[in-house]
Amino acid sequence: MEFNHVLSCALDIGEQMLVSGAEIYRVEDCIRRICYAYGVVDVDVFTITSSIVLTVQKPDGERLTQTRRIEGYSTNLDRVDRLNALSREMCREHLSYEEFSRRFQDIMSRKPISHRMQAVVYGVSAAAFTMLFGGTWQDGFIALFIGAAVKGVVWLVDAVNFNRVLSNLIAAFVMSVLALLAGRWGLAQKVDMLVMGNIMLVIPGAALTNSLRDMISGDTMAGLLRFSEACIFALAIAAGYLLAGGVVG
């Protein structure tokens, strides 16, 4: 495989792992291992939440550099696992560029969980959190439907390419309005628990956890960036709830 192709393959895997929720150290480790496996002498890779910069030195001393701009995130741990396995296989078997492209496209073309199933999971999770925090069975039943509605709102907002801050604000506003109306109409007994159970659906827990792991691993800058993003998302959720309180009362 040509060295330019090696860089492209390594960055393809690193980019998609980062986008799908992988930690910084895991992304850099995969990129570094792939490059060394294909005969690169020296590897310098720098990754933050919005960019990957990769520079390698060929055996003849020439240096090559490629960068990738990261514009969005999602959580897809199945994709992270499969890409990580593909990177290990590249290191063991030295796959050709054509074989890598085929395997990579197979992974990227795997269909995620359907929106209908995600709505079911959202609803069940909201009901479980509501009752865990002290809500009644009646509150949990109402949370089931509000959680499913939240998934619909998230899907609609993502479909028009709003940024995640605005997406979280809108989702928090809708779920809070529905919860407050359920309490006003006598459908819910503990509105505060109902609101808390549904807000847990959009809490940036993965981003916060990864930020702490990045900082513990020594990637302080990337960890602080992710921590800042998580705080901004949390503020957007709080703003959505306050806005709902002002509208509904």
C-alpha atoms as a PDB file:
ATOM      1  CA  MET A   1       0.000   0.000   0.000  1.00  0.00           C
ATOM      2  CA  GLU A   2       1.316   3.468  -0.862  1.00  0.00           C
ATOM      3  CA  PHE A   3       2.118   5.727   2.067  1.00  0.00           C
ATOM      4  CA  ASN A   4      -0.509   8.295   1.028  1.00  0.00           C
ATOM      5  CA  HIS A   5      -3.068   5.503   1.107  1.00  0.00           C
ATOM      6  CA  VAL A   6      -1.801   4.437   4.537  1.00  0.00           C
ATOM      7  CA  LEU A   7      -2.420   7.936   5.883  1.00  0.00           C
ATOM      8  CA  SER A   8      -5.872   8.066   4.301  1.00  0.00           C
ATOM      9  CA  CYS A   9      -6.859   4.683   5.726  1.00  0.00           C
ATOM     10  CA  ALA A  10      -5.577   5.525   9.195  1.00  0.00           C
ATOM     11  CA  LEU A  11      -7.402   8.866   9.185  1.00  0.00           C
ATOM     12  CA  ASP A  12     -10.609   7.278   7.878  1.00  0.00           C
ATOM     13  CA  ILE A  13     -10.649   4.906  10.833  1.00  0.00           C
ATOM     14  CA  GLY A  14      -9.574   7.555  13.345  1.00  0.00           C
ATOM     15  CA  GLU A  15     -12.129  10.091  12.136  1.00  0.00           C
ATOM     16  CA  GLN A  16     -15.064   7.704  12.277  1.00  0.00           C
ATOM     17  CA  MET A  17     -14.021   6.337  15.673  1.00  0.00           C
ATOM     18  CA  LEU A  18     -13.827   9.870  17.067  1.00  0.00           C
ATOM     19  CA  VAL A  19     -17.176  10.828  15.540  1.00  0.00           C
ATOM     20  CA  SER A  20     -18.779   7.677  16.975  1.00  0.00           C
ATOM     21  CA  GLY A  21     -17.690   8.359  20.552  1.00  0.00           C
ATOM     22  CA  ALA A  22     -14.218   6.837  20.967  1.00  0.00           C
ATOM     23  CA  GLU A  23     -11.681   8.320  23.377  1.00  0.00           C
ATOM     24  CA  ILE A  24      -8.787  10.438  22.117  1.00  0.00           C
ATOM     25  CA  TYR A  25      -6.107   7.989  23.241  1.00  0.00           C
ATOM     26  CA  ARG A  26      -7.862   5.104  21.467  1.00  0.00           C
ATOM     27  CA  VAL A  27      -8.071   7.090  18.221  1.00  0.00           C
ATOM     28  CA  GLU A  28      -4.421   8.083  18.332  1.00  0.00           C
ATOM     29  CA  ASP A  29      -3.299   4.582  19.275  1.00  0.00           C
ATOM     30  CA  CYS A  30      -5.137   3.024  16.298  1.00  0.00           C
ATOM     31  CA  ILE A  31      -3.707   5.584  13.871  1.00  0.00           C
ATOM     32  CA  ARG A  32      -0.196   5.122  15.225  1.00  0.00           C
ATOM     33  CA  ARG A  33      -0.322   1.304  15.089  1.00  0.00           C
ATOM     34  CA  ILE A  34      -1.615   1.265  11.497  1.00  0.00           C
ATOM     35  CA  CYS A  35       1.121   3.603  10.290  1.00  0.00           C
ATOM     36  CA  TYR A  36       3.913   1.649  11.962  1.00  0.00           C
ATOM     37  CA  ALA A  37       2.520  -1.645  10.646  1.00  0.00           C
ATOM     38  CA  TYR A  38       2.913  -0.414   7.056  1.00  0.00           C
ATOM     39  CA  GLY A  39       6.556   0.601   7.396  1.00  0.00           C
ATOM     40  CA  VAL A  40       6.409   4.197   8.563  1.00  0.00           C
ATOM     41  CA  VAL A  41       9.510   5.246  10.506  1.00  0.00           C
ATOM     42  CA  ASP A  42       8.010   7.965  12.708  1.00  0.00           C
ATOM     43  CA  VAL A  43       4.420   8.999  13.483  1.00  0.00           C
ATOM     44  CA  ASP A  44       3.180  12.278  14.969  1.00  0.00           C
ATOM     45  CA  VAL A  45      -0.582  12.423  15.496  1.00  0.00           C
ATOM     46  CA  PHE A  46      -2.464  15.211  17.245  1.00  0.00           C
ATOM     47  CA  THR A  47      -6.174  14.818  17.939  1.00  0.00           C
ATOM     48  CA  ILE A  48      -8.696  17.142  19.514  1.00  0.00           C
ATOM     49  CA  THR A  49     -12.473  17.106  19.327  1.00  0.00           C
ATOM     50  CA  SER A  50     -12.567  19.096  16.083  1.00  0.00           C
ATOM     51  CA  SER A  51      -9.440  18.034  14.185  1.00  0.00           C
ATOM     52  CA  ILE A  52      -6.918  15.263  13.532  1.00  0.00           C
ATOM     53  CA  VAL A  53      -3.434  16.103  12.254  1.00  0.00           C
ATOM     54  CA  LEU A  54      -1.192  13.229  11.140  1.00  0.00           C
ATOM     55  CA  THR A  55       2.443  13.513  10.032  1.00  0.00           C
ATOM     56  CA  VAL A  56       4.586  10.494   9.192  1.00  0.00           C
ATOM     57  CA  GLN A  57       8.168   9.982   8.086  1.00  0.00           C
ATOM     58  CA  LYS A  58       8.891   7.524   5.293  1.00  0.00           C
ATOM     59  CA  PRO A  59      11.998   5.280   5.316  1.00  0.00           C
ATOM     60  CA  ASP A  60      13.665   7.634   2.801  1.00  0.00           C
ATOM     61  CA  GLY A  61      13.221  10.594   5.171  1.00  0.00           C
ATOM     62  CA  GLU A  62      10.334  12.290   3.360  1.00  0.00           C
ATOM     63  CA  ARG A  63       7.491  13.530   5.556  1.00  0.00           C
ATOM     64  CA  LEU A  64       3.813  13.436   4.650  1.00  0.00           C
ATOM     65  CA  THR A  65       0.971  15.254   6.419  1.00  0.00           C
ATOM     66  CA  GLN A  66      -2.794  14.943   6.217  1.00  0.00           C
ATOM     67  CA  THR A  67      -5.523  16.529   8.350  1.00  0.00           C
ATOM     68  CA  ARG A  68      -9.191  15.904   8.974  1.00  0.00           C
ATOM     69  CA  ARG A  69     -11.791  18.372  10.217  1.00  0.00           C
ATOM     70  CA  ILE A  70     -14.338  16.874  12.625  1.00  0.00           C
ATOM     71  CA  GLU A  71     -17.700  18.618  12.404  1.00  0.00           C
ATOM     72  CA  GLY A  72     -20.194  16.439  14.261  1.00  0.00           C
ATOM     73  CA  TYR A  73     -20.562  13.657  16.788  1.00  0.00           C
ATOM     74  CA  SER A  74     -22.855  10.780  17.552  1.00  0.00           C
ATOM     75  CA  THR A  75     -22.698   7.698  19.754  1.00  0.00           C
ATOM     76  CA  ASN A  76     -22.287   4.411  17.915  1.00  0.00           C
ATOM     77  CA  LEU A  77     -20.266   1.992  20.017  1.00  0.00           C
ATOM     78  CA  ASP A  78     -20.900  -0.869  17.590  1.00  0.00           C
ATOM     79  CA  ARG A  79     -19.097   1.113  14.894  1.00  0.00           C
ATOM     80  CA  VAL A  80     -16.256   1.938  17.290  1.00  0.00           C
ATOM     81  CA  ASP A  81     -15.817  -1.755  18.088  1.00  0.00           C
ATOM     82  CA  ARG A  82     -15.818  -2.830  14.440  1.00  0.00           C
ATOM     83  CA  LEU A  83     -13.424  -0.090  13.350  1.00  0.00           C
ATOM     84  CA  ASN A  84     -11.099  -0.943  16.209  1.00  0.00           C
ATOM     85  CA  ALA A  85     -11.157  -4.605  15.118  1.00  0.00           C
ATOM     86  CA  LEU A  86     -10.453  -3.557  11.508  1.00  0.00           C
ATOM     87  CA  SER A  87      -7.427  -1.541  12.611  1.00  0.00           C
ATOM     88  CA  ARG A  88      -6.048  -4.559  14.477  1.00  0.00           C
ATOM     89  CA  GLU A  89      -6.588  -6.736  11.428  1.00  0.00           C
ATOM     90  CA  MET A  90      -4.742  -4.221   9.253  1.00  0.00           C
ATOM     91  CA  CYS A  91      -1.772  -4.409  11.611  1.00  0.00           C
ATOM     92  CA  ARG A  92      -1.742  -8.224  11.540  1.00  0.00           C
ATOM     93  CA  GLU A  93      -2.479  -8.950   7.884  1.00  0.00           C
ATOM     94  CA  HIS A  94      -1.430  -5.747   6.055  1.00  0.00           C
ATOM     95  CA  LEU A  95      -4.630  -5.442   4.052  1.00  0.00           C
ATOM     96  CA  SER A  96      -4.471  -3.901   0.591  1.00  0.00           C
ATOM     97  CA  TYR A  97      -6.057  -0.518  -0.069  1.00  0.00           C
ATOM     98  CA  GLU A  98      -8.869  -2.142  -2.061  1.00  0.00           C
ATOM     99  CA  GLU A  99      -9.593  -4.687   0.676  1.00  0.00           C
ATOM    100  CA  PHE A 100      -9.557  -1.970   3.331  1.00  0.00           C
ATOM    101  CA  SER A 101     -11.962   0.170   1.297  1.00  0.00           C
ATOM    102  CA  ARG A 102     -14.370  -2.734   0.936  1.00  0.00           C
ATOM    103  CA  ARG A 103     -14.264  -3.618   4.626  1.00  0.00           C
ATOM    104  CA  PHE A 104     -14.544   0.019   5.677  1.00  0.00           C
ATOM    105  CA  GLN A 105     -17.592   0.608   3.493  1.00  0.00           C
ATOM    106  CA  ASP A 106     -19.219  -2.536   4.880  1.00  0.00           C
ATOM    107  CA  ILE A 107     -18.870  -1.127   8.391  1.00  0.00           C
ATOM    108  CA  MET A 108     -20.087   2.339   7.430  1.00  0.00           C
ATOM    109  CA  SER A 109     -23.092   0.957   5.549  1.00  0.00           C
ATOM    110  CA  ARG A 110     -24.398  -1.041   8.513  1.00  0.00           C
ATOM    111  CA  LYS A 111     -27.832   0.269   9.375  1.00  0.00           C
ATOM    112  CA  PRO A 112     -28.201   1.685  12.887  1.00  0.00           C
ATOM    113  CA  ILE A 113     -31.092   0.851  15.163  1.00  0.00           C
ATOM    114  CA  SER A 114     -34.360   2.008  13.614  1.00  0.00           C
ATOM    115  CA  HIS A 115     -35.940   5.243  14.827  1.00  0.00           C
ATOM    116  CA  ARG A 116     -38.968   3.286  16.011  1.00  0.00           C
ATOM    117  CA  MET A 117     -36.827   1.064  18.235  1.00  0.00           C
ATOM    118  CA  GLN A 118     -34.894   4.096  19.488  1.00  0.00           C
ATOM    119  CA  ALA A 119     -38.204   5.724  20.447  1.00  0.00           C
ATOM    120  CA  VAL A 120     -39.100   2.608  22.455  1.00  0.00           C
ATOM    121  CA  VAL A 121     -35.715   2.694  24.213  1.00  0.00           C
ATOM    122  CA  TYR A 122     -36.103   6.424  24.951  1.00  0.00           C
ATOM    123  CA  GLY A 123     -39.531   5.818  26.463  1.00  0.00           C
ATOM    124  CA  VAL A 124     -38.497   2.844  28.598  1.00  0.00           C
ATOM    125  CA  SER A 125     -35.388   4.674  29.815  1.00  0.00           C
ATOM    126  CA  ALA A 126     -37.400   7.766  30.751  1.00  0.00           C
ATOM    127  CA  ALA A 127     -39.918   5.636  32.653  1.00  0.00           C
ATOM    128  CA  ALA A 128     -37.155   3.776  34.479  1.00  0.00           C
ATOM    129  CA  PHE A 129     -35.361   6.979  35.503  1.00  0.00           C
ATOM    130  CA  THR A 130     -38.601   8.594  36.620  1.00  0.00           C
ATOM    131  CA  MET A 131     -39.437   5.719  38.966  1.00  0.00           C
ATOM    132  CA  LEU A 132     -35.812   5.438  40.107  1.00  0.00           C
ATOM    133  CA  PHE A 133     -35.910   9.060  41.272  1.00  0.00           C
ATOM    134  CA  GLY A 134     -39.095   8.409  43.266  1.00  0.00           C
ATOM    135  CA  GLY A 135     -41.908   8.818  40.759  1.00  0.00           C
ATOM    136  CA  THR A 136     -45.013   6.647  40.862  1.00  0.00           C
ATOM    137  CA  TRP A 137     -46.061   4.011  38.339  1.00  0.00           C
ATOM    138  CA  GLN A 138     -48.437   6.568  36.891  1.00  0.00           C
ATOM    139  CA  ASP A 139     -45.543   9.018  36.419  1.00  0.00           C
ATOM    140  CA  GLY A 140     -43.499   6.273  34.791  1.00  0.00           C
ATOM    141  CA  PHE A 141     -46.328   5.515  32.374  1.00  0.00           C
ATOM    142  CA  ILE A 142     -46.545   9.178  31.344  1.00  0.00           C
ATOM    143  CA  ALA A 143     -42.737   9.348  31.042  1.00  0.00           C
ATOM    144  CA  LEU A 144     -42.891   6.436  28.608  1.00  0.00           C
ATOM    145  CA  PHE A 145     -44.802   8.532  26.077  1.00  0.00           C
ATOM    146  CA  ILE A 146     -42.879  11.756  26.738  1.00  0.00           C
ATOM    147  CA  GLY A 147     -39.587   9.909  26.203  1.00  0.00           C
ATOM    148  CA  ALA A 148     -40.787   8.570  22.858  1.00  0.00           C
ATOM    149  CA  ALA A 149     -41.856  12.105  21.900  1.00  0.00           C
ATOM    150  CA  VAL A 150     -38.401  13.392  22.823  1.00  0.00           C
ATOM    151  CA  LYS A 151     -36.840  10.955  20.356  1.00  0.00           C
ATOM    152  CA  GLY A 152     -39.144  12.306  17.661  1.00  0.00           C
ATOM    153  CA  VAL A 153     -38.100  15.869  18.455  1.00  0.00           C
ATOM    154  CA  VAL A 154     -34.393  14.948  18.424  1.00  0.00           C
ATOM    155  CA  TRP A 155     -34.812  13.194  15.084  1.00  0.00           C
ATOM    156  CA  LEU A 156     -36.638  16.172  13.541  1.00  0.00           C
ATOM    157  CA  VAL A 157     -34.080  18.676  14.815  1.00  0.00           C
ATOM    158  CA  ASP A 158     -31.172  16.569  13.559  1.00  0.00           C
ATOM    159  CA  ALA A 159     -32.886  16.221  10.179  1.00  0.00           C
ATOM    160  CA  VAL A 160     -32.636  19.986   9.618  1.00  0.00           C
ATOM    161  CA  ASN A 161     -28.962  20.028  10.708  1.00  0.00           C
ATOM    162  CA  PHE A 162     -29.297  22.188  13.807  1.00  0.00           C
ATOM    163  CA  ASN A 163     -26.247  22.226  16.065  1.00  0.00           C
ATOM    164  CA  ARG A 164     -26.300  20.078  19.201  1.00  0.00           C
ATOM    165  CA  VAL A 165     -26.679  23.019  21.563  1.00  0.00           C
ATOM    166  CA  LEU A 166     -29.916  24.121  19.917  1.00  0.00           C
ATOM    167  CA  SER A 167     -31.016  20.489  19.620  1.00  0.00           C
ATOM    168  CA  ASN A 168     -30.634  19.945  23.369  1.00  0.00           C
ATOM    169  CA  LEU A 169     -32.415  23.215  24.155  1.00  0.00           C
ATOM    170  CA  ILE A 170     -35.405  22.323  21.972  1.00  0.00           C
ATOM    171  CA  ALA A 171     -35.585  18.758  23.301  1.00  0.00           C
ATOM    172  CA  ALA A 172     -35.445  19.971  26.921  1.00  0.00           C
ATOM    173  CA  PHE A 173     -38.103  22.607  26.186  1.00  0.00           C
ATOM    174  CA  VAL A 174     -40.519  20.107  24.600  1.00  0.00           C
ATOM    175  CA  MET A 175     -40.114  17.449  27.296  1.00  0.00           C
ATOM    176  CA  SER A 176     -40.499  20.029  30.065  1.00  0.00           C
ATOM    177  CA  VAL A 177     -43.648  21.494  28.480  1.00  0.00           C
ATOM    178  CA  LEU A 178     -45.183  18.022  28.169  1.00  0.00           C
ATOM    179  CA  ALA A 179     -44.273  17.130  31.754  1.00  0.00           C
ATOM    180  CA  LEU A 180     -45.623  20.390  33.169  1.00  0.00           C
ATOM    181  CA  LEU A 181     -48.845  20.047  31.187  1.00  0.00           C
ATOM    182  CA  ALA A 182     -49.230  16.470  32.421  1.00  0.00           C
ATOM    183  CA  GLY A 183     -48.980  17.763  35.981  1.00  0.00           C
ATOM    184  CA  ARG A 184     -51.445  20.601  35.351  1.00  0.00           C
ATOM    185  CA  TRP A 185     -53.980  18.204  33.827  1.00  0.00           C
ATOM    186  CA  GLY A 186     -53.637  15.770  36.724  1.00  0.00           C
ATOM    187  CA  LEU A 187     -51.999  12.998  34.688  1.00  0.00           C
ATOM    188  CA  ALA A 188     -48.778  13.021  36.737  1.00  0.00           C
ATOM    189  CA  GLN A 189     -48.378  13.099  40.500  1.00  0.00           C
ATOM    190  CA  LYS A 190     -44.705  14.071  40.836  1.00  0.00           C
ATOM    191  CA  VAL A 191     -43.900  16.461  38.044  1.00  0.00           C
ATOM    192  CA  ASP A 192     -40.369  17.135  39.255  1.00  0.00           C
ATOM    193  CA  MET A 193     -39.492  13.426  39.028  1.00  0.00           C
ATOM    194  CA  LEU A 194     -41.130  13.243  35.622  1.00  0.00           C
ATOM    195  CA  VAL A 195     -39.013  16.143  34.369  1.00  0.00           C
ATOM    196  CA  MET A 196     -35.829  14.672  35.843  1.00  0.00           C
ATOM    197  CA  GLY A 197     -36.474  11.252  34.335  1.00  0.00           C
ATOM    198  CA  ASN A 198     -36.875  12.694  30.843  1.00  0.00           C
ATOM    199  CA  ILE A 199     -34.005  15.161  31.085  1.00  0.00           C
ATOM    200  CA  MET A 200     -31.683  12.203  31.698  1.00  0.00           C
ATOM    201  CA  LEU A 201     -32.236  11.241  28.058  1.00  0.00           C
ATOM    202  CA  VAL A 202     -30.275  14.244  26.786  1.00  0.00           C
ATOM    203  CA  ILE A 203     -27.687  14.629  29.560  1.00  0.00           C
ATOM    204  CA  PRO A 204     -24.232  14.555  27.872  1.00  0.00           C
ATOM    205  CA  GLY A 205     -22.984  11.695  30.007  1.00  0.00           C
ATOM    206  CA  ALA A 206     -20.787  10.092  27.348  1.00  0.00           C
ATOM    207  CA  ALA A 207     -19.087  13.411  26.520  1.00  0.00           C
ATOM    208  CA  LEU A 208     -18.436  14.119  30.198  1.00  0.00           C
ATOM    209  CA  THR A 209     -17.069  10.624  30.851  1.00  0.00           C
ATOM    210  CA  ASN A 210     -14.794  10.732  27.807  1.00  0.00           C
ATOM    211  CA  SER A 211     -13.522  14.173  28.784  1.00  0.00           C
ATOM    212  CA  LEU A 212     -12.454  12.891  32.205  1.00  0.00           C
ATOM    213  CA  ARG A 213     -10.834   9.807  30.679  1.00  0.00           C
ATOM    214  CA  ASP A 214      -8.954  11.987  28.190  1.00  0.00           C
ATOM    215  CA  MET A 215      -7.614  14.230  30.946  1.00  0.00           C
ATOM    216  CA  ILE A 216      -6.603  11.240  33.073  1.00  0.00           C
ATOM    217  CA  SER A 217      -4.808   9.768  30.040  1.00  0.00           C
ATOM    218  CA  GLY A 218      -2.808  12.984  29.605  1.00  0.00           C
ATOM    219  CA  ASP A 219      -4.795  14.520  26.729  1.00  0.00           C
ATOM    220  CA  THR A 220      -5.588  17.609  28.779  1.00  0.00           C
ATOM    221  CA  MET A 221      -6.473  19.955  25.930  1.00  0.00           C
ATOM    222  CA  ALA A 222      -8.869  17.512  24.265  1.00  0.00           C
ATOM    223  CA  GLY A 223     -10.374  16.627  27.643  1.00  0.00           C
ATOM    224  CA  LEU A 224     -10.984  20.269  28.516  1.00  0.00           C
ATOM    225  CA  LEU A 225     -12.593  20.897  25.131  1.00  0.00           C
ATOM    226  CA  ARG A 226     -14.974  17.981  25.598  1.00  0.00           C
ATOM    227  CA  PHE A 227     -15.692  19.035  29.183  1.00  0.00           C
ATOM    228  CA  SER A 228     -16.516  22.550  27.982  1.00  0.00           C
ATOM    229  CA  GLU A 229     -18.847  21.129  25.325  1.00  0.00           C
ATOM    230  CA  ALA A 230     -20.603  18.971  27.935  1.00  0.00           C
ATOM    231  CA  CYS A 231     -21.092  22.023  30.184  1.00  0.00           C
ATOM    232  CA  ILE A 232     -22.541  24.043  27.300  1.00  0.00           C
ATOM    233  CA  PHE A 233     -24.954  21.207  26.471  1.00  0.00           C
ATOM    234  CA  ALA A 234     -26.004  21.056  30.127  1.00  0.00           C
ATOM    235  CA  LEU A 235     -26.638  24.814  30.158  1.00  0.00           C
ATOM    236  CA  ALA A 236     -28.748  24.448  27.009  1.00  0.00           C
ATOM    237  CA  ILE A 237     -30.845  21.766  28.746  1.00  0.00           C
ATOM    238  CA  ALA A 238     -31.329  24.040  31.772  1.00  0.00           C
ATOM    239  CA  ALA A 239     -32.306  26.915  29.488  1.00  0.00           C
ATOM    240  CA  GLY A 240     -34.882  24.725  27.771  1.00  0.00           C
ATOM    241  CA  TYR A 241     -36.451  23.823  31.099  1.00  0.00           C
ATOM    242  CA  LEU A 242     -36.501  27.455  32.279  1.00  0.00           C
ATOM    243  CA  LEU A 243     -38.061  28.538  28.998  1.00  0.00           C
ATOM    244  CA  ALA A 244     -40.754  25.867  29.376  1.00  0.00           C
ATOM    245  CA  GLY A 245     -41.430  27.018  32.929  1.00  0.00           C
ATOM    246  CA  GLY A 246     -41.875  30.559  31.699  1.00  0.00           C
ATOM    247  CA  VAL A 247     -44.280  29.488  28.954  1.00  0.00           C
ATOM    248  CA  VAL A 248     -46.395  26.984  30.902  1.00  0.00           C
ATOM    249  CA  GLY A 249     -45.994  28.423  34.382  1.00  0.00           C
END
